[in-house]
Amino acid sequence: IVHAVRDPDTEVRILAVRALETLVNEDNETILESLLSDPDKKVCRYTRWAVERIKAKKMTW
């Protein structure tokens, strides 16, 4: 998954974001935060949603 976040294909990066969201741990959050500045707006949008959902899950635990 870590290599997929650097894939040139936008859809592959989005799938990596979705996978990282479901496998929540501190390293994944760091990786997701680095994707907030991805050159593709769609990847950034999915990453923002993933980060927000992770934060919401933490608040309910």
PDB file of N, CA and C in Angstrom:
ATOM      1  N   ILE A   1       0.836  -1.197   0.000  1.00  0.00           N
ATOM      2  CA  ILE A   1       0.000   0.000   0.000  1.00  0.00           C
ATOM      3  C   ILE A   1       0.875   1.252   0.000  1.00  0.00           C
ATOM      4  N   VAL A   2       1.953   1.210   0.754  1.00  0.00           N
ATOM      5  CA  VAL A   2       2.830   2.380   0.849  1.00  0.00           C
ATOM      6  C   VAL A   2       3.375   2.762  -0.527  1.00  0.00           C
ATOM      7  N   HIS A   3       3.708   1.781  -1.337  1.00  0.00           N
ATOM      8  CA  HIS A   3       4.211   2.074  -2.683  1.00  0.00           C
ATOM      9  C   HIS A   3       3.097   2.597  -3.586  1.00  0.00           C
ATOM     10  N   ALA A   4       1.882   2.158  -3.341  1.00  0.00           N
ATOM     11  CA  ALA A   4       0.752   2.571  -4.181  1.00  0.00           C
ATOM     12  C   ALA A   4       0.450   4.060  -4.046  1.00  0.00           C
ATOM     13  N   VAL A   5       0.772   4.670  -2.905  1.00  0.00           N
ATOM     14  CA  VAL A   5       0.491   6.102  -2.746  1.00  0.00           C
ATOM     15  C   VAL A   5       1.376   6.952  -3.652  1.00  0.00           C
ATOM     16  N   ARG A   6       2.445   6.356  -4.189  1.00  0.00           N
ATOM     17  CA  ARG A   6       3.337   7.077  -5.105  1.00  0.00           C
ATOM     18  C   ARG A   6       3.118   6.678  -6.561  1.00  0.00           C
ATOM     19  N   ASP A   7       2.125   5.852  -6.809  1.00  0.00           N
ATOM     20  CA  ASP A   7       1.862   5.378  -8.169  1.00  0.00           C
ATOM     21  C   ASP A   7       1.459   6.545  -9.066  1.00  0.00           C
ATOM     22  N   PRO A   8       1.890   6.556 -10.311  1.00  0.00           N
ATOM     23  CA  PRO A   8       1.499   7.644 -11.215  1.00  0.00           C
ATOM     24  C   PRO A   8       0.004   7.649 -11.558  1.00  0.00           C
ATOM     25  N   ASP A   9      -0.665   6.529 -11.375  1.00  0.00           N
ATOM     26  CA  ASP A   9      -2.095   6.429 -11.689  1.00  0.00           C
ATOM     27  C   ASP A   9      -2.934   6.972 -10.528  1.00  0.00           C
ATOM     28  N   THR A  10      -3.742   7.969 -10.812  1.00  0.00           N
ATOM     29  CA  THR A  10      -4.596   8.601  -9.801  1.00  0.00           C
ATOM     30  C   THR A  10      -5.496   7.593  -9.104  1.00  0.00           C
ATOM     31  N   GLU A  11      -6.104   6.711  -9.860  1.00  0.00           N
ATOM     32  CA  GLU A  11      -7.036   5.740  -9.271  1.00  0.00           C
ATOM     33  C   GLU A  11      -6.327   4.793  -8.306  1.00  0.00           C
ATOM     34  N   VAL A  12      -5.097   4.443  -8.601  1.00  0.00           N
ATOM     35  CA  VAL A  12      -4.322   3.582  -7.700  1.00  0.00           C
ATOM     36  C   VAL A  12      -4.059   4.317  -6.393  1.00  0.00           C
ATOM     37  N   ARG A  13      -3.713   5.596  -6.477  1.00  0.00           N
ATOM     38  CA  ARG A  13      -3.469   6.382  -5.260  1.00  0.00           C
ATOM     39  C   ARG A  13      -4.746   6.508  -4.433  1.00  0.00           C
ATOM     40  N   ILE A  14      -5.884   6.685  -5.092  1.00  0.00           N
ATOM     41  CA  ILE A  14      -7.155   6.783  -4.373  1.00  0.00           C
ATOM     42  C   ILE A  14      -7.462   5.466  -3.666  1.00  0.00           C
ATOM     43  N   LEU A  15      -7.244   4.355  -4.332  1.00  0.00           N
ATOM     44  CA  LEU A  15      -7.462   3.054  -3.692  1.00  0.00           C
ATOM     45  C   LEU A  15      -6.528   2.875  -2.494  1.00  0.00           C
ATOM     46  N   ALA A  16      -5.313   3.369  -2.607  1.00  0.00           N
ATOM     47  CA  ALA A  16      -4.373   3.300  -1.488  1.00  0.00           C
ATOM     48  C   ALA A  16      -4.871   4.136  -0.313  1.00  0.00           C
ATOM     49  N   VAL A  17      -5.410   5.309  -0.599  1.00  0.00           N
ATOM     50  CA  VAL A  17      -5.973   6.163   0.452  1.00  0.00           C
ATOM     51  C   VAL A  17      -7.093   5.429   1.174  1.00  0.00           C
ATOM     52  N   ARG A  18      -7.976   4.813   0.426  1.00  0.00           N
ATOM     53  CA  ARG A  18      -9.106   4.101   1.023  1.00  0.00           C
ATOM     54  C   ARG A  18      -8.623   2.925   1.874  1.00  0.00           C
ATOM     55  N   ALA A  19      -7.592   2.238   1.416  1.00  0.00           N
ATOM     56  CA  ALA A  19      -7.040   1.126   2.190  1.00  0.00           C
ATOM     57  C   ALA A  19      -6.386   1.628   3.472  1.00  0.00           C
ATOM     58  N   LEU A  20      -5.619   2.706   3.368  1.00  0.00           N
ATOM     59  CA  LEU A  20      -4.964   3.266   4.549  1.00  0.00           C
ATOM     60  C   LEU A  20      -5.981   3.737   5.580  1.00  0.00           C
ATOM     61  N   GLU A  21      -7.110   4.218   5.123  1.00  0.00           N
ATOM     62  CA  GLU A  21      -8.155   4.667   6.047  1.00  0.00           C
ATOM     63  C   GLU A  21      -8.682   3.498   6.876  1.00  0.00           C
ATOM     64  N   THR A  22      -8.848   2.350   6.261  1.00  0.00           N
ATOM     65  CA  THR A  22      -9.414   1.210   6.981  1.00  0.00           C
ATOM     66  C   THR A  22      -8.394   0.533   7.885  1.00  0.00           C
ATOM     67  N   LEU A  23      -7.120   0.683   7.584  1.00  0.00           N
ATOM     68  CA  LEU A  23      -6.054   0.084   8.389  1.00  0.00           C
ATOM     69  C   LEU A  23      -5.427   1.159   9.266  1.00  0.00           C
ATOM     70  N   VAL A  24      -6.198   1.702  10.154  1.00  0.00           N
ATOM     71  CA  VAL A  24      -5.790   2.873  10.929  1.00  0.00           C
ATOM     72  C   VAL A  24      -4.623   2.547  11.865  1.00  0.00           C
ATOM     73  N   ASN A  25      -3.557   3.317  11.722  1.00  0.00           N
ATOM     74  CA  ASN A  25      -2.458   3.362  12.683  1.00  0.00           C
ATOM     75  C   ASN A  25      -1.708   4.673  12.463  1.00  0.00           C
ATOM     76  N   GLU A  26      -0.804   4.978  13.358  1.00  0.00           N
ATOM     77  CA  GLU A  26      -0.120   6.277  13.301  1.00  0.00           C
ATOM     78  C   GLU A  26       0.669   6.466  12.003  1.00  0.00           C
ATOM     79  N   ASP A  27       1.331   5.420  11.525  1.00  0.00           N
ATOM     80  CA  ASP A  27       2.105   5.541  10.283  1.00  0.00           C
ATOM     81  C   ASP A  27       1.203   5.875   9.105  1.00  0.00           C
ATOM     82  N   ASN A  28       0.041   5.247   9.058  1.00  0.00           N
ATOM     83  CA  ASN A  28      -0.886   5.501   7.954  1.00  0.00           C
ATOM     84  C   ASN A  28      -1.370   6.944   7.973  1.00  0.00           C
ATOM     85  N   GLU A  29      -1.589   7.480   9.153  1.00  0.00           N
ATOM     86  CA  GLU A  29      -2.028   8.876   9.240  1.00  0.00           C
ATOM     87  C   GLU A  29      -0.960   9.814   8.688  1.00  0.00           C
ATOM     88  N   THR A  30       0.293   9.527   8.968  1.00  0.00           N
ATOM     89  CA  THR A  30       1.394  10.339   8.446  1.00  0.00           C
ATOM     90  C   THR A  30       1.437  10.266   6.926  1.00  0.00           C
ATOM     91  N   ILE A  31       1.256   9.066   6.394  1.00  0.00           N
ATOM     92  CA  ILE A  31       1.247   8.888   4.939  1.00  0.00           C
ATOM     93  C   ILE A  31       0.083   9.659   4.329  1.00  0.00           C
ATOM     94  N   LEU A  32      -1.088   9.555   4.953  1.00  0.00           N
ATOM     95  CA  LEU A  32      -2.259  10.268   4.435  1.00  0.00           C
ATOM     96  C   LEU A  32      -2.035  11.776   4.456  1.00  0.00           C
ATOM     97  N   GLU A  33      -1.449  12.275   5.536  1.00  0.00           N
ATOM     98  CA  GLU A  33      -1.202  13.715   5.619  1.00  0.00           C
ATOM     99  C   GLU A  33      -0.276  14.181   4.495  1.00  0.00           C
ATOM    100  N   SER A  34       0.670  13.335   4.099  1.00  0.00           N
ATOM    101  CA  SER A  34       1.554  13.723   2.994  1.00  0.00           C
ATOM    102  C   SER A  34       0.792  13.778   1.668  1.00  0.00           C
ATOM    103  N   LEU A  35      -0.296  13.012   1.564  1.00  0.00           N
ATOM    104  CA  LEU A  35      -1.089  13.009   0.331  1.00  0.00           C
ATOM    105  C   LEU A  35      -2.046  14.197   0.240  1.00  0.00           C
ATOM    106  N   LEU A  36      -2.156  14.966   1.297  1.00  0.00           N
ATOM    107  CA  LEU A  36      -3.012  16.156   1.239  1.00  0.00           C
ATOM    108  C   LEU A  36      -2.482  17.169   0.228  1.00  0.00           C
ATOM    109  N   SER A  37      -1.216  17.046  -0.131  1.00  0.00           N
ATOM    110  CA  SER A  37      -0.632  17.958  -1.124  1.00  0.00           C
ATOM    111  C   SER A  37      -0.385  17.263  -2.465  1.00  0.00           C
ATOM    112  N   ASP A  38      -1.102  16.171  -2.711  1.00  0.00           N
ATOM    113  CA  ASP A  38      -0.983  15.460  -3.989  1.00  0.00           C
ATOM    114  C   ASP A  38      -1.351  16.410  -5.126  1.00  0.00           C
ATOM    115  N   PRO A  39      -0.675  16.296  -6.267  1.00  0.00           N
ATOM    116  CA  PRO A  39      -0.989  17.184  -7.395  1.00  0.00           C
ATOM    117  C   PRO A  39      -2.393  16.992  -7.972  1.00  0.00           C
ATOM    118  N   ASP A  40      -2.993  15.839  -7.729  1.00  0.00           N
ATOM    119  CA  ASP A  40      -4.335  15.580  -8.257  1.00  0.00           C
ATOM    120  C   ASP A  40      -5.391  15.973  -7.220  1.00  0.00           C
ATOM    121  N   LYS A  41      -6.315  16.835  -7.609  1.00  0.00           N
ATOM    122  CA  LYS A  41      -7.340  17.331  -6.680  1.00  0.00           C
ATOM    123  C   LYS A  41      -8.239  16.217  -6.167  1.00  0.00           C
ATOM    124  N   LYS A  42      -8.486  15.222  -6.998  1.00  0.00           N
ATOM    125  CA  LYS A  42      -9.345  14.109  -6.591  1.00  0.00           C
ATOM    126  C   LYS A  42      -8.681  13.302  -5.465  1.00  0.00           C
ATOM    127  N   VAL A  43      -7.389  13.083  -5.579  1.00  0.00           N
ATOM    128  CA  VAL A  43      -6.652  12.375  -4.532  1.00  0.00           C
ATOM    129  C   VAL A  43      -6.688  13.191  -3.244  1.00  0.00           C
ATOM    130  N   CYS A  44      -6.486  14.492  -3.357  1.00  0.00           N
ATOM    131  CA  CYS A  44      -6.538  15.370  -2.179  1.00  0.00           C
ATOM    132  C   CYS A  44      -7.898  15.303  -1.505  1.00  0.00           C
ATOM    133  N   ARG A  45      -8.951  15.319  -2.302  1.00  0.00           N
ATOM    134  CA  ARG A  45     -10.307  15.281  -1.754  1.00  0.00           C
ATOM    135  C   ARG A  45     -10.553  13.965  -1.010  1.00  0.00           C
ATOM    136  N   TYR A  46     -10.201  12.839  -1.604  1.00  0.00           N
ATOM    137  CA  TYR A  46     -10.367  11.543  -0.940  1.00  0.00           C
ATOM    138  C   TYR A  46      -9.513  11.467   0.322  1.00  0.00           C
ATOM    139  N   THR A  47      -8.322  12.034   0.266  1.00  0.00           N
ATOM    140  CA  THR A  47      -7.441  12.025   1.431  1.00  0.00           C
ATOM    141  C   THR A  47      -8.029  12.855   2.564  1.00  0.00           C
ATOM    142  N   ARG A  48      -8.558  14.030   2.244  1.00  0.00           N
ATOM    143  CA  ARG A  48      -9.191  14.863   3.279  1.00  0.00           C
ATOM    144  C   ARG A  48     -10.330  14.110   3.946  1.00  0.00           C
ATOM    145  N   TRP A  49     -11.169  13.466   3.131  1.00  0.00           N
ATOM    146  CA  TRP A  49     -12.284  12.691   3.684  1.00  0.00           C
ATOM    147  C   TRP A  49     -11.768  11.585   4.596  1.00  0.00           C
ATOM    148  N   ALA A  50     -10.721  10.894   4.159  1.00  0.00           N
ATOM    149  CA  ALA A  50     -10.170   9.795   4.957  1.00  0.00           C
ATOM    150  C   ALA A  50      -9.634  10.307   6.289  1.00  0.00           C
ATOM    151  N   VAL A  51      -8.897  11.403   6.251  1.00  0.00           N
ATOM    152  CA  VAL A  51      -8.340  11.978   7.479  1.00  0.00           C
ATOM    153  C   VAL A  51      -9.469  12.408   8.417  1.00  0.00           C
ATOM    154  N   GLU A  52     -10.500  13.028   7.877  1.00  0.00           N
ATOM    155  CA  GLU A  52     -11.636  13.450   8.704  1.00  0.00           C
ATOM    156  C   GLU A  52     -12.339  12.251   9.333  1.00  0.00           C
ATOM    157  N   ARG A  53     -12.519  11.173   8.576  1.00  0.00           N
ATOM    158  CA  ARG A  53     -13.176   9.980   9.119  1.00  0.00           C
ATOM    159  C   ARG A  53     -12.323   9.326  10.199  1.00  0.00           C
ATOM    160  N   ILE A  54     -11.015   9.312  10.010  1.00  0.00           N
ATOM    161  CA  ILE A  54     -10.124   8.744  11.027  1.00  0.00           C
ATOM    162  C   ILE A  54     -10.224   9.561  12.310  1.00  0.00           C
ATOM    163  N   LYS A  55     -10.210  10.881  12.183  1.00  0.00           N
ATOM    164  CA  LYS A  55     -10.325  11.740  13.367  1.00  0.00           C
ATOM    165  C   LYS A  55     -11.661  11.527  14.060  1.00  0.00           C
ATOM    166  N   ALA A  56     -12.726  11.375  13.293  1.00  0.00           N
ATOM    167  CA  ALA A  56     -14.054  11.139  13.871  1.00  0.00           C
ATOM    168  C   ALA A  56     -14.090   9.802  14.607  1.00  0.00           C
ATOM    169  N   LYS A  57     -13.468   8.785  14.041  1.00  0.00           N
ATOM    170  CA  LYS A  57     -13.423   7.476  14.702  1.00  0.00           C
ATOM    171  C   LYS A  57     -12.687   7.572  16.027  1.00  0.00           C
ATOM    172  N   LYS A  58     -11.595   8.328  16.052  1.00  0.00           N
ATOM    173  CA  LYS A  58     -10.822   8.483  17.287  1.00  0.00           C
ATOM    174  C   LYS A  58     -11.650   9.163  18.373  1.00  0.00           C
ATOM    175  N   MET A  59     -12.492  10.091  17.972  1.00  0.00           N
ATOM    176  CA  MET A  59     -13.309  10.816  18.946  1.00  0.00           C
ATOM    177  C   MET A  59     -14.373   9.918  19.568  1.00  0.00           C
ATOM    178  N   THR A  60     -14.795   8.892  18.848  1.00  0.00           N
ATOM    179  CA  THR A  60     -15.842   8.013  19.363  1.00  0.00           C
ATOM    180  C   THR A  60     -15.286   6.822  20.123  1.00  0.00           C
ATOM    181  N   TRP A  61     -13.961   6.613  20.095  1.00  0.00           N
ATOM    182  CA  TRP A  61     -13.371   5.464  20.787  1.00  0.00           C
ATOM    183  C   TRP A  61     -13.268   5.736  22.222  1.00  0.00           C
TER     184      TRP A  61
END
